[in-house]
Amino acid sequence: MPLAQTSPAEIWFVCGSQHLYGPGPLRQVATHARAVARGLAKSPLLPLPVVFKALLTTPEEITRVMVAANSSPRCAGLILWMHTFSPAKMWIRGLDALQKPFLHLHTQFNRDLPWGTIDMDFMNLNQAAHGDREAGYLHSRLRLGRKVVVGHWSDPEVHARIGAWMRAVRGWHDWQGARFVRFGDNMRQVAVTEGDKVAAELKLGFSVNTHGVGDLVARVDAVAPAALTALCAEYEQLYRVAPALRRGGPRHEALRYSARLELGLRAFLEAGGYKGFTDTFEDLHGLRQLPGLATQRLMAAGYGFGGEGDWKTAALVRAMKVMGDGLPGGTSFMEDYTYHLSPQGHQVLGAHMLEICPSIAADRPAVEIHPLGIGGKEDPVRLVFAAPAGEALNASLIDLGHRFRLVVNEVRAVPPPPLPKLPVARAVWECKPDFKTACAAWIHAGGAHHTGYSYAVTTEMLDDFATLAGLEAVLIRDGTTLPALRQDLRTNEVYYHLAQGFRT
């Protein structure tokens, strides 16, 4: 099933050369470039279509294609390759105008050199070895953020690295013009869920606006009874529904109200073209429950979510959903809730009050109803499950006042022990490089307690995403040391202050 509120995207493949070589060699260059584009397009490791766009040989051609890329709603980014030597001054105006991300593929058409027959005609035609260096100089001279992938275009490792970048590009493309809605304000007195929504729209491309909970209540109250009955039947088919919640059970009405919340929320999001939302238990006027099951299922459909009004995490979860689409594992909103500090091994118990996405469930979730303990509303219905063991990561997007920072910690999830009295979805993990280093590094970096947690998204994808979004990336993983990380943070403070100039 496609993710909610997505639009088609493609990558343009562009090859550079020049007229110095004459029409015959240029026809051969164009043939080679089309063959490379077709080869990439056929790779199962590349999640977006690759479209050969042009062989570019003059400044005017280059500028026209870059401007066309800017205006194309389908073009999410470009792959640039210099088959021969393409003088980089030709690219200045076009690249300065380009507003889409690009990847520089450093490859050549032939994999192996024909040692016995190689001559100067061959050498002149296959000059990517220094043509791409000429291009790389200009990209650096223009201070352009980009990914550089090196290797033969048929190499699966090259495909995997391009694929990671494409997933990052798809997440960035999805953010451009995206709309996120906050139902009510953020949780009172909380610092990390605040942020500059004007700066986010200016720098990151998505907008965040608030609707009173009453606007949502109107949608919830308008749901037809027949739709509730059908959705409750779907719940019973998909999940292990507690007997009290089933049709005819004493608490079935609570399940119907949870279905009402889901249908009302979905209708509101679809009508407004929203890709994610936030709510808070402190602002539920007119709602009988804090949405639990409803939020979980909407996340599984691809919507971003942040608890307590955390719009930055809602946007990040959405981007990670888009990046990981089609990969095994799933992505969820998450919170580092509490620790297991045994001398035999330190672990994190991750959960939230209700809203963990079933895309990360290890087995068939149960639908249960329990008191929440805060918020003063009716007992909410929720999906209860454990997340599986495996390699995963936590990511946090924070606002430092003059820039946004993306903090990523690689973790290793482990099977949770039995938790018979914890009626929420949960995950248990061990931090890399180790618990004490990772937690101290996270706190030094200012990482939030809300995160996007994923088995599908990789650090490479998020690092690529940070590069093309202009985010500062702080990566915590094997090899991280606190002295080096703290020095990087100090250095970054100076760099980002100078790099942004007067526009903040």
Protein backbone atom coordinates (compact mmCIF):
# COMPACT_ATOMS: atom_id res chain seq x y z
CA MET A 1 0.00 0.00 0.00
CA PRO A 2 1.48 3.41 -0.97
CA LEU A 3 2.22 5.89 1.79
CA ALA A 4 -0.43 8.51 2.42
CA GLN A 5 -0.08 11.90 0.73
CA THR A 6 2.87 11.00 -1.53
CA SER A 7 3.57 12.28 -5.03
CA PRO A 8 5.66 10.74 -7.85
CA ALA A 9 9.37 11.50 -8.00
CA GLU A 10 12.22 10.71 -10.38
CA ILE A 11 15.96 11.32 -10.72
CA TRP A 12 17.40 12.99 -13.80
CA PHE A 13 20.66 11.57 -15.18
CA VAL A 14 22.88 14.21 -16.78
CA CYS A 15 26.18 13.66 -18.56
CA GLY A 16 28.79 16.32 -19.28
CA SER A 17 31.16 16.65 -22.21
CA GLN A 18 32.29 19.35 -24.70
CA HIS A 19 32.43 20.00 -28.46
CA LEU A 20 36.22 19.68 -28.59
CA TYR A 21 35.88 15.99 -29.48
CA GLY A 22 33.68 16.42 -32.56
CA PRO A 23 30.23 15.05 -33.47
CA GLY A 24 31.23 11.38 -33.81
CA PRO A 25 32.70 10.97 -30.33
CA LEU A 26 29.84 13.01 -28.84
CA ARG A 27 27.32 10.59 -30.36
CA GLN A 28 29.23 7.75 -28.72
CA VAL A 29 29.29 9.61 -25.39
CA ALA A 30 25.52 10.08 -25.58
CA THR A 31 25.04 6.38 -26.34
CA HIS A 32 27.20 5.43 -23.36
CA ALA A 33 25.38 7.86 -21.06
CA ARG A 34 21.99 6.42 -22.03
CA ALA A 35 23.30 2.92 -21.39
CA VAL A 36 24.51 3.91 -17.90
CA ALA A 37 21.15 5.54 -17.11
CA ARG A 38 19.30 2.42 -18.32
CA GLY A 39 21.56 0.19 -16.23
CA LEU A 40 20.87 2.24 -13.11
CA ALA A 41 17.16 2.34 -13.84
CA LYS A 42 17.03 -1.47 -13.88
CA SER A 43 18.72 -1.87 -10.49
CA PRO A 44 16.42 -3.19 -7.73
CA LEU A 45 18.52 -1.24 -5.21
CA LEU A 46 17.42 2.12 -6.61
CA PRO A 47 13.99 3.15 -5.27
CA LEU A 48 13.33 5.98 -7.74
CA PRO A 49 13.17 5.95 -11.56
CA VAL A 50 16.29 7.16 -13.35
CA VAL A 51 15.57 9.22 -16.46
CA PHE A 52 18.31 10.12 -18.93
CA LYS A 53 17.85 13.84 -19.44
CA ALA A 54 20.66 15.24 -21.52
CA LEU A 55 24.23 15.27 -22.72
CA LEU A 56 25.36 18.79 -21.85
CA THR A 57 28.15 20.52 -23.73
CA THR A 58 27.55 24.30 -23.40
CA PRO A 59 26.79 26.73 -20.57
CA GLU A 60 23.41 27.51 -22.13
CA GLU A 61 22.36 23.83 -22.26
CA ILE A 62 23.47 23.28 -18.67
CA THR A 63 21.58 26.29 -17.35
CA ARG A 64 18.40 25.33 -19.22
CA VAL A 65 18.40 21.82 -17.74
CA MET A 66 19.10 23.05 -14.19
CA VAL A 67 16.29 25.61 -14.39
CA ALA A 68 13.97 22.94 -15.82
CA ALA A 69 14.87 20.65 -12.91
CA ASN A 70 13.93 23.39 -10.46
CA SER A 71 10.51 23.81 -12.04
CA SER A 72 9.71 20.13 -12.49
CA PRO A 73 7.49 18.75 -9.71
CA ARG A 74 8.63 15.21 -10.55
CA CYS A 75 12.36 15.87 -10.49
CA ALA A 76 13.58 15.12 -6.96
CA GLY A 77 17.29 15.34 -7.79
CA LEU A 78 20.00 14.78 -10.37
CA ILE A 79 22.92 12.43 -10.97
CA LEU A 80 25.84 14.17 -12.68
CA TRP A 81 28.62 12.34 -14.54
CA MET A 82 31.41 13.71 -16.72
CA HIS A 83 32.07 11.04 -19.38
CA THR A 84 34.87 13.11 -20.86
CA PHE A 85 36.50 16.36 -19.81
CA SER A 86 33.72 18.94 -19.42
CA PRO A 87 35.29 22.31 -18.57
CA ALA A 88 33.71 23.22 -15.25
CA LYS A 89 33.37 26.95 -15.90
CA MET A 90 30.53 25.97 -18.24
CA TRP A 91 28.63 24.68 -15.20
CA ILE A 92 28.91 27.73 -12.94
CA ARG A 93 25.69 29.50 -13.89
CA GLY A 94 23.62 26.34 -14.03
CA LEU A 95 24.82 24.88 -10.73
CA ASP A 96 24.48 28.24 -9.02
CA ALA A 97 20.84 28.29 -10.12
CA LEU A 98 20.13 24.64 -9.22
CA GLN A 99 17.82 24.22 -6.23
CA LYS A 100 17.51 20.43 -6.36
CA PRO A 101 19.99 18.04 -4.71
CA PHE A 102 22.52 16.22 -6.84
CA LEU A 103 24.82 13.24 -6.61
CA HIS A 104 28.18 13.18 -8.36
CA LEU A 105 28.78 9.72 -9.83
CA HIS A 106 32.49 9.17 -10.44
CA THR A 107 32.51 6.28 -12.88
CA GLN A 108 33.45 5.39 -16.45
CA PHE A 109 31.59 3.53 -19.15
CA ASN A 110 34.02 0.63 -19.53
CA ARG A 111 34.75 -1.46 -16.47
CA ASP A 112 38.08 -2.91 -17.67
CA LEU A 113 40.78 -1.24 -19.74
CA PRO A 114 41.53 -2.92 -23.11
CA TRP A 115 45.24 -3.03 -22.38
CA GLY A 116 46.23 -4.56 -25.74
CA THR A 117 44.39 -2.09 -27.94
CA ILE A 118 44.20 1.11 -25.92
CA ASP A 119 45.19 4.20 -27.94
CA MET A 120 44.82 7.96 -27.66
CA ASP A 121 41.35 7.94 -29.23
CA PHE A 122 40.23 5.66 -26.41
CA MET A 123 42.03 7.80 -23.84
CA ASN A 124 40.44 11.02 -25.12
CA LEU A 125 36.97 9.52 -25.12
CA ASN A 126 37.11 7.98 -21.63
CA GLN A 127 38.34 10.85 -19.50
CA ALA A 128 36.05 10.63 -16.47
CA ALA A 129 39.12 10.05 -14.30
CA HIS A 130 39.99 13.71 -14.62
CA GLY A 131 36.74 15.08 -16.02
CA ASP A 132 35.04 14.30 -12.73
CA ARG A 133 37.92 15.86 -10.83
CA GLU A 134 37.38 19.07 -12.79
CA ALA A 135 33.71 18.92 -11.83
CA GLY A 136 34.52 18.14 -8.20
CA TYR A 137 36.74 21.20 -7.96
CA LEU A 138 33.91 23.46 -9.06
CA HIS A 139 31.39 21.80 -6.73
CA SER A 140 33.78 22.47 -3.86
CA ARG A 141 34.53 25.99 -5.09
CA LEU A 142 30.78 26.74 -5.09
CA ARG A 143 30.45 25.17 -1.61
CA LEU A 144 27.77 22.77 -2.86
CA GLY A 145 26.58 20.00 -0.58
CA ARG A 146 26.43 16.75 -2.53
CA LYS A 147 27.17 13.04 -2.31
CA VAL A 148 30.06 11.55 -4.26
CA VAL A 149 29.81 7.87 -5.21
CA VAL A 150 32.83 6.18 -6.76
CA GLY A 151 32.96 2.90 -8.70
CA HIS A 152 31.72 1.24 -11.86
CA TRP A 153 28.09 1.95 -12.61
CA SER A 154 27.29 -1.79 -12.66
CA ASP A 155 28.71 -2.40 -9.17
CA PRO A 156 25.98 -3.39 -6.64
CA GLU A 157 27.82 -1.44 -3.92
CA VAL A 158 27.57 1.67 -6.09
CA HIS A 159 23.85 0.97 -6.55
CA ALA A 160 23.40 0.59 -2.78
CA ARG A 161 25.07 3.93 -2.08
CA ILE A 162 23.06 5.68 -4.79
CA GLY A 163 19.95 3.98 -3.41
CA ALA A 164 20.62 5.35 0.08
CA TRP A 165 20.97 8.84 -1.39
CA MET A 166 17.77 8.41 -3.41
CA ARG A 167 15.88 7.51 -0.26
CA ALA A 168 17.20 10.63 1.41
CA VAL A 169 16.23 12.66 -1.64
CA ARG A 170 12.76 11.15 -1.59
CA GLY A 171 12.35 12.23 2.04
CA TRP A 172 13.55 15.74 1.22
CA HIS A 173 11.32 15.95 -1.86
CA ASP A 174 8.36 14.90 0.27
CA TRP A 175 9.09 17.70 2.77
CA GLN A 176 8.93 20.43 0.11
CA GLY A 177 5.52 22.02 0.50
CA ALA A 178 4.48 19.43 3.08
CA ARG A 179 1.91 20.46 5.68
CA PHE A 180 1.86 19.34 9.31
CA VAL A 181 -0.95 20.13 11.73
CA ARG A 182 -0.80 20.60 15.48
CA PHE A 183 -4.01 19.90 17.35
CA GLY A 184 -3.65 22.38 20.18
CA ASP A 185 -0.34 23.61 21.52
CA ASN A 186 2.65 21.68 22.80
CA MET A 187 2.89 20.31 26.33
CA ARG A 188 3.24 23.17 28.81
CA GLN A 189 6.70 24.27 29.91
CA VAL A 190 8.52 21.76 27.69
CA ALA A 191 11.54 23.23 25.88
CA VAL A 192 12.49 20.68 23.25
CA THR A 193 9.05 20.53 21.60
CA GLU A 194 9.22 24.27 20.89
CA GLY A 195 10.91 25.60 17.77
CA ASP A 196 10.99 28.22 15.04
CA LYS A 197 8.32 27.22 12.52
CA VAL A 198 9.21 30.14 10.25
CA ALA A 199 12.84 28.97 10.06
CA ALA A 200 11.66 25.41 9.43
CA GLU A 201 9.56 26.47 6.45
CA LEU A 202 12.33 28.69 5.11
CA LYS A 203 15.13 26.14 5.45
CA LEU A 204 13.40 22.77 5.39
CA GLY A 205 10.43 23.38 3.12
CA PHE A 206 7.47 22.26 5.26
CA SER A 207 4.86 24.30 7.08
CA VAL A 208 3.40 23.74 10.55
CA ASN A 209 0.13 25.29 11.67
CA THR A 210 -2.26 24.78 14.55
CA HIS A 211 -5.93 23.89 14.61
CA GLY A 212 -8.03 23.98 17.71
CA VAL A 213 -9.08 20.56 18.93
CA GLY A 214 -12.68 21.62 18.23
CA ASP A 215 -11.93 21.51 14.49
CA LEU A 216 -10.96 17.87 14.88
CA VAL A 217 -13.95 17.13 17.11
CA ALA A 218 -16.28 18.25 14.33
CA ARG A 219 -14.73 15.66 11.99
CA VAL A 220 -14.82 12.97 14.68
CA ASP A 221 -18.47 13.60 15.50
CA ALA A 222 -19.44 13.46 11.81
CA VAL A 223 -18.32 9.83 11.26
CA ALA A 224 -21.20 7.59 10.20
CA PRO A 225 -22.12 4.62 12.46
CA ALA A 226 -21.80 2.15 9.58
CA ALA A 227 -18.19 3.19 9.05
CA LEU A 228 -17.47 2.52 12.73
CA THR A 229 -18.94 -0.95 12.50
CA ALA A 230 -16.85 -1.78 9.42
CA LEU A 231 -13.62 -0.51 10.98
CA CYS A 232 -14.21 -2.40 14.23
CA ALA A 233 -14.68 -5.57 12.19
CA GLU A 234 -11.34 -4.83 10.50
CA TYR A 235 -9.71 -4.49 13.92
CA GLU A 236 -11.00 -7.91 14.93
CA GLN A 237 -9.64 -9.40 11.71
CA LEU A 238 -6.18 -7.85 11.94
CA TYR A 239 -5.42 -7.87 15.67
CA ARG A 240 -5.89 -9.86 18.85
CA VAL A 241 -8.74 -7.77 20.24
CA ALA A 242 -9.38 -8.10 23.97
CA PRO A 243 -12.71 -9.90 24.61
CA ALA A 244 -14.17 -6.92 26.46
CA LEU A 245 -13.63 -4.75 23.36
CA ARG A 246 -15.14 -7.11 20.83
CA ARG A 247 -18.61 -6.74 19.43
CA GLY A 248 -21.02 -7.60 22.25
CA GLY A 249 -18.34 -7.05 24.90
CA PRO A 250 -18.88 -4.65 27.81
CA ARG A 251 -16.32 -2.14 26.49
CA HIS A 252 -17.05 -2.38 22.78
CA GLU A 253 -18.24 1.23 22.77
CA ALA A 254 -14.70 2.32 23.68
CA LEU A 255 -13.41 0.50 20.59
CA ARG A 256 -16.06 2.17 18.45
CA TYR A 257 -15.00 5.56 19.79
CA SER A 258 -11.37 4.74 18.96
CA ALA A 259 -12.52 3.89 15.43
CA ARG A 260 -14.35 7.22 15.37
CA LEU A 261 -11.11 8.97 16.29
CA GLU A 262 -9.22 7.19 13.51
CA LEU A 263 -11.78 7.97 10.83
CA GLY A 264 -12.16 11.56 11.97
CA LEU A 265 -8.40 12.13 12.09
CA ARG A 266 -7.92 10.52 8.69
CA ALA A 267 -10.67 12.66 7.16
CA PHE A 268 -9.14 15.82 8.63
CA LEU A 269 -5.64 14.96 7.37
CA GLU A 270 -6.85 14.01 3.90
CA ALA A 271 -9.00 17.11 3.53
CA GLY A 272 -6.12 19.38 4.55
CA GLY A 273 -3.41 17.54 2.63
CA TYR A 274 -1.46 17.01 5.85
CA LYS A 275 1.44 14.55 6.06
CA GLY A 276 1.61 14.39 9.83
CA PHE A 277 0.21 15.74 13.07
CA THR A 278 0.74 16.27 16.77
CA ASP A 279 -1.50 16.24 19.80
CA THR A 280 -1.07 16.46 23.57
CA PHE A 281 -2.89 14.96 26.52
CA GLU A 282 -3.08 18.47 28.01
CA ASP A 283 -5.30 19.73 25.20
CA LEU A 284 -8.11 17.27 24.43
CA HIS A 285 -11.17 19.46 24.93
CA GLY A 286 -14.12 17.71 23.30
CA LEU A 287 -12.37 14.35 22.84
CA ARG A 288 -13.16 11.47 25.16
CA GLN A 289 -9.83 9.66 24.74
CA LEU A 290 -6.28 10.55 23.85
CA PRO A 291 -5.93 8.98 20.37
CA GLY A 292 -3.91 5.79 20.73
CA LEU A 293 -4.97 3.08 18.31
CA ALA A 294 -5.96 5.79 15.83
CA THR A 295 -2.53 7.42 15.91
CA GLN A 296 -0.75 4.08 15.69
CA ARG A 297 -2.67 3.05 12.59
CA LEU A 298 -2.24 6.42 10.90
CA MET A 299 1.51 6.19 11.45
CA ALA A 300 1.44 2.74 9.87
CA ALA A 301 -0.23 4.37 6.85
CA GLY A 302 2.73 6.76 6.55
CA TYR A 303 1.71 9.83 8.53
CA GLY A 304 4.29 11.46 10.77
CA PHE A 305 3.49 11.92 14.44
CA GLY A 306 4.94 13.71 17.44
CA GLY A 307 3.61 13.53 20.97
CA GLU A 308 2.99 16.56 23.17
CA GLY A 309 2.96 18.92 20.20
CA ASP A 310 6.43 17.90 18.99
CA TRP A 311 6.11 19.01 15.35
CA LYS A 312 9.81 18.55 14.54
CA THR A 313 9.61 14.86 15.42
CA ALA A 314 6.35 14.51 13.46
CA ALA A 315 8.13 15.90 10.38
CA LEU A 316 11.18 13.70 10.96
CA VAL A 317 9.10 10.54 11.40
CA ARG A 318 7.32 11.34 8.13
CA ALA A 319 10.63 11.82 6.30
CA MET A 320 11.95 8.55 7.73
CA LYS A 321 8.73 6.77 6.71
CA VAL A 322 9.28 7.99 3.14
CA MET A 323 12.99 7.08 3.17
CA GLY A 324 12.31 3.56 4.43
CA ASP A 325 9.27 2.86 2.27
CA GLY A 326 9.49 -0.61 0.76
CA LEU A 327 12.29 -1.79 3.05
CA PRO A 328 11.76 -4.34 5.82
CA GLY A 329 11.66 -3.25 9.42
CA GLY A 330 9.41 -0.23 9.87
CA THR A 331 9.72 3.20 11.51
CA SER A 332 7.98 4.68 14.54
CA PHE A 333 7.72 7.64 16.85
CA MET A 334 9.63 6.68 20.01
CA GLU A 335 10.75 7.90 23.41
CA ASP A 336 13.64 6.80 25.61
CA TYR A 337 11.48 6.03 28.61
CA THR A 338 13.58 4.29 31.26
CA TYR A 339 16.81 2.34 31.75
CA HIS A 340 17.97 -1.11 32.84
CA LEU A 341 21.36 -0.42 34.50
CA SER A 342 22.44 -3.93 35.41
CA PRO A 343 26.20 -4.56 35.72
CA GLN A 344 25.61 -7.38 33.23
CA GLY A 345 24.48 -4.92 30.55
CA HIS A 346 22.84 -1.51 30.20
CA GLN A 347 19.65 -1.29 28.15
CA VAL A 348 17.00 1.27 27.20
CA LEU A 349 13.28 0.59 27.41
CA GLY A 350 11.65 2.67 24.70
CA ALA A 351 7.91 3.30 24.62
CA HIS A 352 5.36 6.08 24.87
CA MET A 353 2.02 6.54 26.53
CA LEU A 354 0.25 4.98 23.54
CA GLU A 355 1.64 5.97 20.18
CA ILE A 356 4.16 3.42 18.86
CA CYS A 357 3.70 2.39 15.22
CA PRO A 358 2.79 -1.25 14.52
CA SER A 359 5.14 -1.25 11.53
CA ILE A 360 7.82 -2.25 14.08
CA ALA A 361 5.78 -5.02 15.75
CA ALA A 362 7.52 -8.37 16.07
CA ASP A 363 4.23 -10.26 16.05
CA ARG A 364 0.48 -9.70 15.77
CA PRO A 365 -0.44 -6.76 18.04
CA ALA A 366 -3.12 -6.96 20.70
CA VAL A 367 -5.85 -4.33 21.05
CA GLU A 368 -6.31 -3.51 24.71
CA ILE A 369 -7.85 -0.83 26.93
CA HIS A 370 -6.25 0.42 30.15
CA PRO A 371 -6.24 3.59 32.25
CA LEU A 372 -3.75 6.22 31.13
CA GLY A 373 -3.16 7.79 34.54
CA ILE A 374 -2.75 11.36 33.19
CA GLY A 375 -4.96 13.66 31.16
CA GLY A 376 -8.23 13.02 33.01
CA LYS A 377 -9.99 11.38 30.05
CA GLU A 378 -11.57 7.98 29.41
CA ASP A 379 -9.37 4.90 29.25
CA PRO A 380 -7.79 4.88 25.75
CA VAL A 381 -7.63 1.91 23.40
CA ARG A 382 -4.18 1.03 22.09
CA LEU A 383 -2.12 -1.60 20.25
CA VAL A 384 0.21 -3.52 22.53
CA PHE A 385 3.23 -5.38 21.12
CA ALA A 386 6.98 -5.82 21.40
CA ALA A 387 9.47 -4.69 18.77
CA PRO A 388 11.90 -7.29 17.39
CA ALA A 389 15.63 -7.72 17.88
CA GLY A 390 17.88 -6.28 15.19
CA GLU A 391 19.98 -3.34 14.06
CA ALA A 392 18.12 -0.05 14.45
CA LEU A 393 18.65 3.64 15.08
CA ASN A 394 17.16 6.60 16.89
CA ALA A 395 17.13 10.06 15.29
CA SER A 396 16.22 13.44 16.75
CA LEU A 397 15.69 16.78 14.99
CA ILE A 398 16.29 19.76 17.28
CA ASP A 399 16.17 23.54 16.93
CA LEU A 400 19.28 25.25 18.31
CA GLY A 401 17.98 28.74 17.64
CA HIS A 402 20.15 29.55 14.62
CA ARG A 403 20.21 26.12 12.98
CA PHE A 404 18.65 22.68 13.09
CA ARG A 405 20.66 19.65 14.20
CA LEU A 406 20.00 15.99 13.41
CA VAL A 407 21.28 13.61 16.09
CA VAL A 408 21.51 9.90 15.22
CA ASN A 409 22.40 6.99 17.50
CA GLU A 410 22.84 3.50 16.10
CA VAL A 411 21.46 0.84 18.46
CA ARG A 412 21.02 -2.92 18.65
CA ALA A 413 17.51 -3.93 19.64
CA VAL A 414 17.13 -7.03 21.81
CA PRO A 415 14.07 -9.14 22.63
CA PRO A 416 12.22 -7.55 25.57
CA PRO A 417 11.66 -9.73 28.64
CA PRO A 418 8.05 -10.49 29.59
CA LEU A 419 6.29 -7.28 30.65
CA PRO A 420 2.84 -8.48 31.73
CA LYS A 421 1.91 -5.25 33.53
CA LEU A 422 3.15 -2.74 30.92
CA PRO A 423 0.15 -2.17 28.63
CA VAL A 424 1.91 -0.28 25.82
CA ALA A 425 3.99 -1.10 22.76
CA ARG A 426 7.69 -1.16 23.54
CA ALA A 427 11.23 -1.78 22.30
CA VAL A 428 14.41 -2.59 24.19
CA TRP A 429 17.84 -1.74 22.80
CA GLU A 430 21.52 -1.44 23.59
CA CYS A 431 23.25 1.75 22.48
CA LYS A 432 26.35 1.96 20.32
CA PRO A 433 29.21 2.31 21.00
CA ASP A 434 28.09 1.67 24.57
CA PHE A 435 25.38 2.96 26.88
CA LYS A 436 27.44 5.51 28.84
CA THR A 437 29.18 7.00 25.82
CA ALA A 438 26.00 7.12 23.72
CA CYS A 439 23.83 8.74 26.38
CA ALA A 440 26.47 11.30 27.28
CA ALA A 441 27.04 12.08 23.61
CA TRP A 442 23.27 12.43 23.02
CA ILE A 443 22.98 14.85 25.94
CA HIS A 444 26.04 16.86 24.87
CA ALA A 445 24.45 17.16 21.42
CA GLY A 446 21.10 18.26 22.85
CA GLY A 447 19.16 15.32 21.40
CA ALA A 448 15.49 15.26 22.40
CA HIS A 449 13.66 12.56 24.34
CA HIS A 450 11.35 12.06 21.34
CA THR A 451 12.84 10.32 18.32
CA GLY A 452 12.22 8.56 15.07
CA TYR A 453 13.11 4.90 15.65
CA SER A 454 13.74 2.71 12.64
CA TYR A 455 14.89 -0.71 11.52
CA ALA A 456 14.62 0.34 7.87
CA VAL A 457 16.40 3.70 7.68
CA THR A 458 20.20 3.68 7.85
CA THR A 459 22.74 6.17 9.12
CA GLU A 460 23.96 6.68 5.55
CA MET A 461 20.46 7.74 4.48
CA LEU A 462 20.16 10.21 7.35
CA ASP A 463 23.67 11.56 6.78
CA ASP A 464 22.82 12.08 3.10
CA PHE A 465 19.54 13.70 4.16
CA ALA A 466 21.39 16.10 6.46
CA THR A 467 23.79 17.05 3.66
CA LEU A 468 21.11 17.91 1.13
CA ALA A 469 18.91 19.62 3.77
CA GLY A 470 21.77 21.70 5.16
CA LEU A 471 21.37 20.15 8.60
CA GLU A 472 24.17 19.64 11.07
CA ALA A 473 24.53 15.89 11.60
CA VAL A 474 25.82 14.36 14.83
CA LEU A 475 26.36 10.61 14.42
CA ILE A 476 26.78 8.40 17.49
CA ARG A 477 27.91 4.87 16.65
CA ASP A 478 30.78 2.39 16.96
CA GLY A 479 33.97 4.39 17.17
CA THR A 480 32.39 7.48 18.74
CA THR A 481 34.39 8.97 21.63
CA LEU A 482 33.27 11.79 23.87
CA PRO A 483 36.40 13.97 23.48
CA ALA A 484 36.16 13.84 19.67
CA LEU A 485 32.41 14.42 19.65
CA ARG A 486 32.64 17.40 22.01
CA GLN A 487 35.38 18.91 19.85
CA ASP A 488 33.24 18.38 16.75
CA LEU A 489 30.35 20.18 18.45
CA ARG A 490 32.59 23.14 19.30
CA THR A 491 33.95 23.26 15.75
CA ASN A 492 30.47 22.99 14.27
CA GLU A 493 29.31 25.92 16.40
CA VAL A 494 31.85 28.16 14.69
CA TYR A 495 31.30 26.70 11.22
CA TYR A 496 27.52 27.04 11.18
CA HIS A 497 27.66 30.52 12.67
CA LEU A 498 29.93 31.67 9.84
CA ALA A 499 28.38 29.61 7.04
CA GLN A 500 24.90 31.05 7.45
CA GLY A 501 25.96 34.67 7.24
CA PHE A 502 23.39 37.25 8.20
CA ARG A 503 20.28 35.33 7.10
CA THR A 504 18.95 33.21 9.98
